[in-house]
PDB file of N, CA and C in Angstrom:
ATOM      1  N   UNK A   1      99.237 111.746  94.630  1.00  0.00           N
ATOM      2  CA  UNK A   1      99.339 110.603  95.522  1.00  0.00           C
ATOM      3  C   UNK A   1     100.812 110.305  95.815  1.00  0.00           C
ATOM      4  N   UNK A   2     101.094 109.960  97.055  1.00  0.00           N
ATOM      5  CA  UNK A   2     102.464 109.679  97.463  1.00  0.00           C
ATOM      6  C   UNK A   2     102.951 108.351  96.879  1.00  0.00           C
ATOM      7  N   UNK A   3     104.224 108.303  96.611  1.00  0.00           N
ATOM      8  CA  UNK A   3     104.857 107.087  96.117  1.00  0.00           C
ATOM      9  C   UNK A   3     104.863 106.038  97.225  1.00  0.00           C
ATOM     10  N   UNK A   4     104.459 104.812  96.917  1.00  0.00           N
ATOM     11  CA  UNK A   4     104.446 103.753  97.924  1.00  0.00           C
ATOM     12  C   UNK A   4     105.421 102.650  97.538  1.00  0.00           C
ATOM     13  N   UNK A   5     105.913 101.972  98.546  1.00  0.00           N
ATOM     14  CA  UNK A   5     106.831 100.852  98.351  1.00  0.00           C
ATOM     15  C   UNK A   5     106.481  99.750  99.339  1.00  0.00           C
ATOM     16  N   UNK A   6     107.034  98.565  99.089  1.00  0.00           N
ATOM     17  CA  UNK A   6     106.839  97.436 100.004  1.00  0.00           C
ATOM     18  C   UNK A   6     107.994  97.416 101.012  1.00  0.00           C
ATOM     19  N   UNK A   7     107.627  97.170 102.274  1.00  0.00           N
ATOM     20  CA  UNK A   7     108.623  97.144 103.338  1.00  0.00           C
ATOM     21  C   UNK A   7     108.446  95.909 104.208  1.00  0.00           C
ATOM     22  N   UNK A   8     109.534  95.559 104.873  1.00  0.00           N
ATOM     23  CA  UNK A   8     109.525  94.491 105.868  1.00  0.00           C
ATOM     24  C   UNK A   8     110.170  95.065 107.123  1.00  0.00           C
ATOM     25  N   UNK A   9     109.500  94.904 108.255  1.00  0.00           N
ATOM     26  CA  UNK A   9     110.025  95.385 109.528  1.00  0.00           C
ATOM     27  C   UNK A   9     110.040  94.226 110.510  1.00  0.00           C
ATOM     28  N   UNK A  10     111.169  94.046 111.179  1.00  0.00           N
ATOM     29  CA  UNK A  10     111.279  93.053 112.242  1.00  0.00           C
ATOM     30  C   UNK A  10     111.564  93.815 113.529  1.00  0.00           C
ATOM     31  N   UNK A  11     110.773  93.523 114.567  1.00  0.00           N
ATOM     32  CA  UNK A  11     111.020  94.141 115.866  1.00  0.00           C
ATOM     33  C   UNK A  11     111.270  93.040 116.886  1.00  0.00           C
ATOM     34  N   UNK A  12     112.064  93.377 117.902  1.00  0.00           N
ATOM     35  CA  UNK A  12     112.315  92.461 119.008  1.00  0.00           C
ATOM     36  C   UNK A  12     111.780  93.128 120.268  1.00  0.00           C
ATOM     37  N   UNK A  13     110.764  92.505 120.848  1.00  0.00           N
ATOM     38  CA  UNK A  13     110.157  93.018 122.071  1.00  0.00           C
ATOM     39  C   UNK A  13     110.837  92.392 123.285  1.00  0.00           C
ATOM     40  N   UNK A  14     110.790  93.107 124.406  1.00  0.00           N
ATOM     41  CA  UNK A  14     111.371  92.585 125.646  1.00  0.00           C
ATOM     42  C   UNK A  14     110.674  91.287 126.050  1.00  0.00           C
ATOM     43  N   UNK A  15     111.436  90.278 126.459  1.00  0.00           N
ATOM     44  CA  UNK A  15     110.842  88.982 126.801  1.00  0.00           C
ATOM     45  C   UNK A  15     110.083  89.006 128.126  1.00  0.00           C
ATOM     46  N   UNK A  16     110.255  90.034 128.914  1.00  0.00           N
ATOM     47  CA  UNK A  16     109.590  90.105 130.215  1.00  0.00           C
ATOM     48  C   UNK A  16     108.114  90.492 130.110  1.00  0.00           C
ATOM     49  N   UNK A  17     107.651  90.855 128.914  1.00  0.00           N
ATOM     50  CA  UNK A  17     106.251  91.232 128.724  1.00  0.00           C
ATOM     51  C   UNK A  17     105.341  90.011 128.842  1.00  0.00           C
ATOM     52  N   UNK A  18     104.136  90.219 129.366  1.00  0.00           N
ATOM     53  CA  UNK A  18     103.156  89.127 129.442  1.00  0.00           C
ATOM     54  C   UNK A  18     102.579  88.888 128.041  1.00  0.00           C
ATOM     55  N   UNK A  19     101.857  87.785 127.894  1.00  0.00           N
ATOM     56  CA  UNK A  19     101.242  87.468 126.599  1.00  0.00           C
ATOM     57  C   UNK A  19     100.277  88.565 126.165  1.00  0.00           C
ATOM     58  N   UNK A  20      99.525  89.120 127.126  1.00  0.00           N
ATOM     59  CA  UNK A  20      98.582  90.190 126.808  1.00  0.00           C
ATOM     60  C   UNK A  20      99.309  91.455 126.364  1.00  0.00           C
ATOM     61  N   UNK A  21     100.420  91.777 127.028  1.00  0.00           N
ATOM     62  CA  UNK A  21     101.192  92.968 126.661  1.00  0.00           C
ATOM     63  C   UNK A  21     101.823  92.797 125.281  1.00  0.00           C
ATOM     64  N   UNK A  22     102.313  91.595 124.987  1.00  0.00           N
ATOM     65  CA  UNK A  22     102.890  91.324 123.667  1.00  0.00           C
ATOM     66  C   UNK A  22     101.810  91.465 122.595  1.00  0.00           C
ATOM     67  N   UNK A  23     100.648  90.875 122.831  1.00  0.00           N
ATOM     68  CA  UNK A  23      99.538  90.961 121.868  1.00  0.00           C
ATOM     69  C   UNK A  23      99.138  92.419 121.643  1.00  0.00           C
ATOM     70  N   UNK A  24      99.125  93.209 122.713  1.00  0.00           N
ATOM     71  CA  UNK A  24      98.759  94.625 122.599  1.00  0.00           C
ATOM     72  C   UNK A  24      99.795  95.388 121.773  1.00  0.00           C
ATOM     73  N   UNK A  25     101.081  95.102 121.971  1.00  0.00           N
ATOM     74  CA  UNK A  25     102.134  95.775 121.208  1.00  0.00           C
ATOM     75  C   UNK A  25     102.083  95.383 119.730  1.00  0.00           C
ATOM     76  N   UNK A  26     101.884  94.092 119.461  1.00  0.00           N
ATOM     77  CA  UNK A  26     101.792  93.616 118.072  1.00  0.00           C
ATOM     78  C   UNK A  26     100.638  94.318 117.372  1.00  0.00           C
ATOM     79  N   UNK A  27      99.497  94.394 118.039  1.00  0.00           N
ATOM     80  CA  UNK A  27      98.310  95.043 117.469  1.00  0.00           C
ATOM     81  C   UNK A  27      98.524  96.546 117.306  1.00  0.00           C
ATOM     82  N   UNK A  28      99.179  97.171 118.276  1.00  0.00           N
ATOM     83  CA  UNK A  28      99.449  98.616 118.223  1.00  0.00           C
ATOM     84  C   UNK A  28     100.232  98.975 116.964  1.00  0.00           C
ATOM     85  N   UNK A  29     101.307  98.233 116.698  1.00  0.00           N
ATOM     86  CA  UNK A  29     102.128  98.544 115.524  1.00  0.00           C
ATOM     87  C   UNK A  29     101.435  98.141 114.232  1.00  0.00           C
ATOM     88  N   UNK A  30     100.639  97.082 114.265  1.00  0.00           N
ATOM     89  CA  UNK A  30      99.854  96.703 113.081  1.00  0.00           C
ATOM     90  C   UNK A  30      98.871  97.815 112.730  1.00  0.00           C
ATOM     91  N   UNK A  31      98.183  98.359 113.737  1.00  0.00           N
ATOM     92  CA  UNK A  31      97.235  99.449 113.496  1.00  0.00           C
ATOM     93  C   UNK A  31      97.927 100.712 113.008  1.00  0.00           C
ATOM     94  N   UNK A  32      99.116 100.990 113.538  1.00  0.00           N
ATOM     95  CA  UNK A  32      99.874 102.161 113.101  1.00  0.00           C
ATOM     96  C   UNK A  32     100.230 102.040 111.618  1.00  0.00           C
ATOM     97  N   UNK A  33     100.686 100.861 111.225  1.00  0.00           N
ATOM     98  CA  UNK A  33     101.011 100.635 109.812  1.00  0.00           C
ATOM     99  C   UNK A  33      99.748 100.769 108.963  1.00  0.00           C
ATOM    100  N   UNK A  34      98.633 100.200 109.423  1.00  0.00           N
ATOM    101  CA  UNK A  34      97.376 100.235 108.674  1.00  0.00           C
ATOM    102  C   UNK A  34      96.859 101.660 108.480  1.00  0.00           C
ATOM    103  N   UNK A  35      97.148 102.555 109.437  1.00  0.00           N
ATOM    104  CA  UNK A  35      96.736 103.960 109.303  1.00  0.00           C
ATOM    105  C   UNK A  35      97.452 104.656 108.153  1.00  0.00           C
ATOM    106  N   UNK A  36      98.666 104.200 107.842  1.00  0.00           N
ATOM    107  CA  UNK A  36      99.483 104.861 106.822  1.00  0.00           C
ATOM    108  C   UNK A  36      99.655 104.053 105.543  1.00  0.00           C
ATOM    109  N   UNK A  37      99.293 102.785 105.575  1.00  0.00           N
ATOM    110  CA  UNK A  37      99.503 101.940 104.411  1.00  0.00           C
ATOM    111  C   UNK A  37      98.636 100.692 104.484  1.00  0.00           C
ATOM    112  N   UNK A  38      99.132  99.617 103.892  1.00  0.00           N
ATOM    113  CA  UNK A  38      98.396  98.363 103.836  1.00  0.00           C
ATOM    114  C   UNK A  38      99.235  97.255 104.450  1.00  0.00           C
ATOM    115  N   UNK A  39      98.718  96.611 105.487  1.00  0.00           N
ATOM    116  CA  UNK A  39      99.413  95.491 106.123  1.00  0.00           C
ATOM    117  C   UNK A  39      99.165  94.244 105.293  1.00  0.00           C
ATOM    118  N   UNK A  40     100.230  93.600 104.850  1.00  0.00           N
ATOM    119  CA  UNK A  40     100.097  92.388 104.056  1.00  0.00           C
ATOM    120  C   UNK A  40     100.216  91.135 104.914  1.00  0.00           C
ATOM    121  N   UNK A  41     101.083  91.195 105.934  1.00  0.00           N
ATOM    122  CA  UNK A  41     101.305  90.009 106.762  1.00  0.00           C
ATOM    123  C   UNK A  41     101.932  90.411 108.092  1.00  0.00           C
ATOM    124  N   UNK A  42     101.526  89.739 109.151  1.00  0.00           N
ATOM    125  CA  UNK A  42     102.163  89.874 110.463  1.00  0.00           C
ATOM    126  C   UNK A  42     102.540  88.471 110.898  1.00  0.00           C
ATOM    127  N   UNK A  43     103.826  88.242 111.095  1.00  0.00           N
ATOM    128  CA  UNK A  43     104.320  86.918 111.439  1.00  0.00           C
ATOM    129  C   UNK A  43     105.016  86.988 112.796  1.00  0.00           C
ATOM    130  N   UNK A  44     104.414  86.367 113.807  1.00  0.00           N
ATOM    131  CA  UNK A  44     105.011  86.344 115.138  1.00  0.00           C
ATOM    132  C   UNK A  44     105.925  85.124 115.236  1.00  0.00           C
ATOM    133  N   UNK A  45     107.222  85.367 115.347  1.00  0.00           N
ATOM    134  CA  UNK A  45     108.190  84.273 115.434  1.00  0.00           C
ATOM    135  C   UNK A  45     108.283  83.735 116.849  1.00  0.00           C
ATOM    136  N   UNK A  46     107.853  84.532 117.817  1.00  0.00           N
ATOM    137  CA  UNK A  46     107.881  84.091 119.206  1.00  0.00           C
ATOM    138  C   UNK A  46     109.191  84.425 119.896  1.00  0.00           C
ATOM    139  N   UNK A  47     109.360  83.831 121.068  1.00  0.00           N
ATOM    140  CA  UNK A  47     110.547  84.087 121.886  1.00  0.00           C
ATOM    141  C   UNK A  47     111.717  83.283 121.348  1.00  0.00           C
ATOM    142  N   UNK A  48     112.838  83.977 121.125  1.00  0.00           N
ATOM    143  CA  UNK A  48     114.036  83.320 120.596  1.00  0.00           C
ATOM    144  C   UNK A  48     115.270  83.839 121.311  1.00  0.00           C
ATOM    145  N   UNK A  49     116.300  83.046 121.265  1.00  0.00           N
ATOM    146  CA  UNK A  49     117.573  83.427 121.867  1.00  0.00           C
ATOM    147  C   UNK A  49     118.239  84.476 120.981  1.00  0.00           C
ATOM    148  N   UNK A  50     118.779  85.517 121.606  1.00  0.00           N
ATOM    149  CA  UNK A  50     119.478  86.568 120.874  1.00  0.00           C
ATOM    150  C   UNK A  50     120.904  86.125 120.533  1.00  0.00           C
ATOM    151  N   UNK A  51     121.453  86.653 119.457  1.00  0.00           N
ATOM    152  CA  UNK A  51     122.832  86.346 119.081  1.00  0.00           C
ATOM    153  C   UNK A  51     123.816  86.951 120.088  1.00  0.00           C
ATOM    154  N   UNK A  52     123.419  88.054 120.695  1.00  0.00           N
ATOM    155  CA  UNK A  52     124.241  88.712 121.717  1.00  0.00           C
ATOM    156  C   UNK A  52     123.301  89.399 122.704  1.00  0.00           C
ATOM    157  N   UNK A  53     123.788  89.650 123.906  1.00  0.00           N
ATOM    158  CA  UNK A  53     122.952  90.283 124.926  1.00  0.00           C
ATOM    159  C   UNK A  53     122.605  91.720 124.555  1.00  0.00           C
ATOM    160  N   UNK A  54     121.372  92.096 124.825  1.00  0.00           N
ATOM    161  CA  UNK A  54     120.908  93.474 124.652  1.00  0.00           C
ATOM    162  C   UNK A  54     120.318  93.885 125.990  1.00  0.00           C
ATOM    163  N   UNK A  55     120.880  94.881 126.621  1.00  0.00           N
ATOM    164  CA  UNK A  55     120.403  95.347 127.927  1.00  0.00           C
ATOM    165  C   UNK A  55     120.262  94.193 128.923  1.00  0.00           C
ATOM    166  N   UNK A  56     121.269  93.334 128.983  1.00  0.00           N
ATOM    167  CA  UNK A  56     121.322  92.172 129.880  1.00  0.00           C
ATOM    168  C   UNK A  56     120.249  91.129 129.591  1.00  0.00           C
ATOM    169  N   UNK A  57     119.618  91.189 128.440  1.00  0.00           N
ATOM    170  CA  UNK A  57     118.620  90.192 128.039  1.00  0.00           C
ATOM    171  C   UNK A  57     119.265  89.209 127.060  1.00  0.00           C
ATOM    172  N   UNK A  58     118.920  87.923 127.176  1.00  0.00           N
ATOM    173  CA  UNK A  58     119.461  86.911 126.266  1.00  0.00           C
ATOM    174  C   UNK A  58     118.395  86.386 125.314  1.00  0.00           C
ATOM    175  N   UNK A  59     117.125  86.796 125.531  1.00  0.00           N
ATOM    176  CA  UNK A  59     116.018  86.388 124.670  1.00  0.00           C
ATOM    177  C   UNK A  59     115.211  87.617 124.264  1.00  0.00           C
ATOM    178  N   UNK A  60     114.440  87.454 123.198  1.00  0.00           N
ATOM    179  CA  UNK A  60     113.538  88.510 122.760  1.00  0.00           C
ATOM    180  C   UNK A  60     112.367  87.904 122.020  1.00  0.00           C
ATOM    181  N   UNK A  61     111.278  88.651 121.924  1.00  0.00           N
ATOM    182  CA  UNK A  61     110.084  88.206 121.214  1.00  0.00           C
ATOM    183  C   UNK A  61     110.081  88.881 119.842  1.00  0.00           C
ATOM    184  N   UNK A  62     110.212  88.083 118.789  1.00  0.00           N
ATOM    185  CA  UNK A  62     110.357  88.598 117.427  1.00  0.00           C
ATOM    186  C   UNK A  62     109.001  88.688 116.718  1.00  0.00           C
ATOM    187  N   UNK A  63     108.801  89.800 115.991  1.00  0.00           N
ATOM    188  CA  UNK A  63     107.601  89.987 115.182  1.00  0.00           C
ATOM    189  C   UNK A  63     108.028  90.592 113.842  1.00  0.00           C
ATOM    190  N   UNK A  64     107.500  90.048 112.751  1.00  0.00           N
ATOM    191  CA  UNK A  64     107.800  90.559 111.413  1.00  0.00           C
ATOM    192  C   UNK A  64     106.527  91.111 110.783  1.00  0.00           C
ATOM    193  N   UNK A  65     106.631  92.317 110.231  1.00  0.00           N
ATOM    194  CA  UNK A  65     105.523  92.954 109.521  1.00  0.00           C
ATOM    195  C   UNK A  65     105.920  93.144 108.060  1.00  0.00           C
ATOM    196  N   UNK A  66     105.034  92.764 107.136  1.00  0.00           N
ATOM    197  CA  UNK A  66     105.199  93.061 105.715  1.00  0.00           C
ATOM    198  C   UNK A  66     104.071  94.000 105.330  1.00  0.00           C
ATOM    199  N   UNK A  67     104.408  95.096 104.658  1.00  0.00           N
ATOM    200  CA  UNK A  67     103.393  96.098 104.356  1.00  0.00           C
ATOM    201  C   UNK A  67     103.815  96.976 103.185  1.00  0.00           C
ATOM    202  N   UNK A  68     102.834  97.698 102.657  1.00  0.00           N
ATOM    203  CA  UNK A  68     103.047  98.701 101.629  1.00  0.00           C
ATOM    204  C   UNK A  68     102.695 100.042 102.251  1.00  0.00           C
ATOM    205  N   UNK A  69     103.583 101.020 102.074  1.00  0.00           N
ATOM    206  CA  UNK A  69     103.365 102.330 102.691  1.00  0.00           C
ATOM    207  C   UNK A  69     104.061 103.412 101.873  1.00  0.00           C
ATOM    208  N   UNK A  70     103.665 104.678 102.093  1.00  0.00           N
ATOM    209  CA  UNK A  70     104.361 105.788 101.436  1.00  0.00           C
ATOM    210  C   UNK A  70     105.830 105.807 101.854  1.00  0.00           C
ATOM    211  N   UNK A  71     106.669 106.337 101.004  1.00  0.00           N
ATOM    212  CA  UNK A  71     108.111 106.315 101.246  1.00  0.00           C
ATOM    213  C   UNK A  71     108.544 107.142 102.453  1.00  0.00           C
ATOM    214  N   UNK A  72     107.709 108.053 102.922  1.00  0.00           N
ATOM    215  CA  UNK A  72     108.089 108.852 104.099  1.00  0.00           C
ATOM    216  C   UNK A  72     107.706 108.174 105.420  1.00  0.00           C
ATOM    217  N   UNK A  73     106.907 107.101 105.371  1.00  0.00           N
ATOM    218  CA  UNK A  73     106.455 106.442 106.599  1.00  0.00           C
ATOM    219  C   UNK A  73     107.552 105.699 107.357  1.00  0.00           C
ATOM    220  N   UNK A  74     108.439 104.952 106.704  1.00  0.00           N
ATOM    221  CA  UNK A  74     109.436 104.176 107.462  1.00  0.00           C
ATOM    222  C   UNK A  74     110.302 105.023 108.410  1.00  0.00           C
ATOM    223  N   UNK A  75     110.643 106.222 108.034  1.00  0.00           N
ATOM    224  CA  UNK A  75     111.460 107.066 108.912  1.00  0.00           C
ATOM    225  C   UNK A  75     110.711 107.395 110.198  1.00  0.00           C
ATOM    226  N   UNK A  76     109.436 107.730 110.087  1.00  0.00           N
ATOM    227  CA  UNK A  76     108.632 108.034 111.274  1.00  0.00           C
ATOM    228  C   UNK A  76     108.385 106.767 112.095  1.00  0.00           C
ATOM    229  N   UNK A  77     108.130 105.651 111.436  1.00  0.00           N
ATOM    230  CA  UNK A  77     107.921 104.376 112.121  1.00  0.00           C
ATOM    231  C   UNK A  77     109.173 103.994 112.908  1.00  0.00           C
ATOM    232  N   UNK A  78     110.336 104.143 112.287  1.00  0.00           N
ATOM    233  CA  UNK A  78     111.603 103.844 112.955  1.00  0.00           C
ATOM    234  C   UNK A  78     111.796 104.735 114.181  1.00  0.00           C
ATOM    235  N   UNK A  79     111.450 105.998 114.072  1.00  0.00           N
ATOM    236  CA  UNK A  79     111.571 106.926 115.197  1.00  0.00           C
ATOM    237  C   UNK A  79     110.701 106.465 116.369  1.00  0.00           C
ATOM    238  N   UNK A  80     109.464 106.065 116.062  1.00  0.00           N
ATOM    239  CA  UNK A  80     108.551 105.600 117.110  1.00  0.00           C
ATOM    240  C   UNK A  80     109.034 104.297 117.755  1.00  0.00           C
ATOM    241  N   UNK A  81     109.588 103.405 116.950  1.00  0.00           N
ATOM    242  CA  UNK A  81     110.115 102.152 117.504  1.00  0.00           C
ATOM    243  C   UNK A  81     111.317 102.419 118.409  1.00  0.00           C
ATOM    244  N   UNK A  82     112.162 103.361 118.010  1.00  0.00           N
ATOM    245  CA  UNK A  82     113.370 103.661 118.792  1.00  0.00           C
ATOM    246  C   UNK A  82     113.069 104.313 120.136  1.00  0.00           C
ATOM    247  N   UNK A  83     111.958 105.019 120.268  1.00  0.00           N
ATOM    248  CA  UNK A  83     111.649 105.661 121.547  1.00  0.00           C
ATOM    249  C   UNK A  83     110.760 104.790 122.432  1.00  0.00           C
ATOM    250  N   UNK A  84     110.363 103.628 121.934  1.00  0.00           N
ATOM    251  CA  UNK A  84     109.528 102.719 122.715  1.00  0.00           C
ATOM    252  C   UNK A  84     110.352 102.046 123.812  1.00  0.00           C
ATOM    253  N   UNK A  85     109.754 101.890 124.982  1.00  0.00           N
ATOM    254  CA  UNK A  85     110.427 101.232 126.101  1.00  0.00           C
ATOM    255  C   UNK A  85     110.436  99.711 125.975  1.00  0.00           C
ATOM    256  N   UNK A  86     109.546  99.155 125.154  1.00  0.00           N
ATOM    257  CA  UNK A  86     109.424  97.702 125.068  1.00  0.00           C
ATOM    258  C   UNK A  86     110.086  97.097 123.826  1.00  0.00           C
ATOM    259  N   UNK A  87     110.495  97.927 122.881  1.00  0.00           N
ATOM    260  CA  UNK A  87     111.167  97.436 121.674  1.00  0.00           C
ATOM    261  C   UNK A  87     112.674  97.504 121.905  1.00  0.00           C
ATOM    262  N   UNK A  88     113.326  96.338 121.872  1.00  0.00           N
ATOM    263  CA  UNK A  88     114.776  96.297 122.096  1.00  0.00           C
ATOM    264  C   UNK A  88     115.544  96.634 120.821  1.00  0.00           C
ATOM    265  N   UNK A  89     115.096  96.125 119.695  1.00  0.00           N
ATOM    266  CA  UNK A  89     115.730  96.397 118.405  1.00  0.00           C
ATOM    267  C   UNK A  89     114.661  96.366 117.324  1.00  0.00           C
ATOM    268  N   UNK A  90     114.959  97.049 116.212  1.00  0.00           N
ATOM    269  CA  UNK A  90     114.064  96.999 115.059  1.00  0.00           C
ATOM    270  C   UNK A  90     114.890  97.173 113.788  1.00  0.00           C
ATOM    271  N   UNK A  91     114.363  96.657 112.697  1.00  0.00           N
ATOM    272  CA  UNK A  91     115.024  96.778 111.393  1.00  0.00           C
ATOM    273  C   UNK A  91     113.937  96.934 110.337  1.00  0.00           C
ATOM    274  N   UNK A  92     114.061  97.977 109.530  1.00  0.00           N
ATOM    275  CA  UNK A  92     113.116  98.223 108.435  1.00  0.00           C
ATOM    276  C   UNK A  92     113.884  98.103 107.132  1.00  0.00           C
ATOM    277  N   UNK A  93     113.378  97.257 106.233  1.00  0.00           N
ATOM    278  CA  UNK A  93     114.037  97.015 104.952  1.00  0.00           C
ATOM    279  C   UNK A  93     113.027  97.191 103.840  1.00  0.00           C
ATOM    280  N   UNK A  94     113.445  97.899 102.785  1.00  0.00           N
ATOM    281  CA  UNK A  94     112.595  98.001 101.594  1.00  0.00           C
ATOM    282  C   UNK A  94     112.748  96.714 100.811  1.00  0.00           C
ATOM    283  N   UNK A  95     111.624  96.093 100.447  1.00  0.00           N
ATOM    284  CA  UNK A  95     111.683  94.840  99.705  1.00  0.00           C
ATOM    285  C   UNK A  95     111.964  95.112  98.243  1.00  0.00           C
ATOM    286  N   UNK A  96     112.652  94.189  97.594  1.00  0.00           N
ATOM    287  CA  UNK A  96     113.003  94.333  96.188  1.00  0.00           C
ATOM    288  C   UNK A  96     111.786  94.363  95.303  1.00  0.00           C
ATOM    289  N   UNK A  97     111.985  94.846  94.117  1.00  0.00           N
ATOM    290  CA  UNK A  97     110.877  94.998  93.178  1.00  0.00           C
ATOM    291  C   UNK A  97     110.563  93.699  92.480  1.00  0.00           C
TER     292      UNK A  97
END
């Protein structure tokens, strides 16, 4: 069995997305995590002002995922987030023991 760890991922979605598109993206990434591990919590922070402009945007829609997954999953998850057209930024952190 693969070694698993607890992770926290925060993504910032483009603010121009409709509510339905945001809900679909949140669910898409939740299901992706669930395929490889266990989703513990999904916390939608909503639309917030960015500390600095990203691609001429001053706001973003923040979503936080807490989950347990094999240690090789975060690298693939990060790759998928980076090639997404709707994710402006993402951060994956291993939670302390």
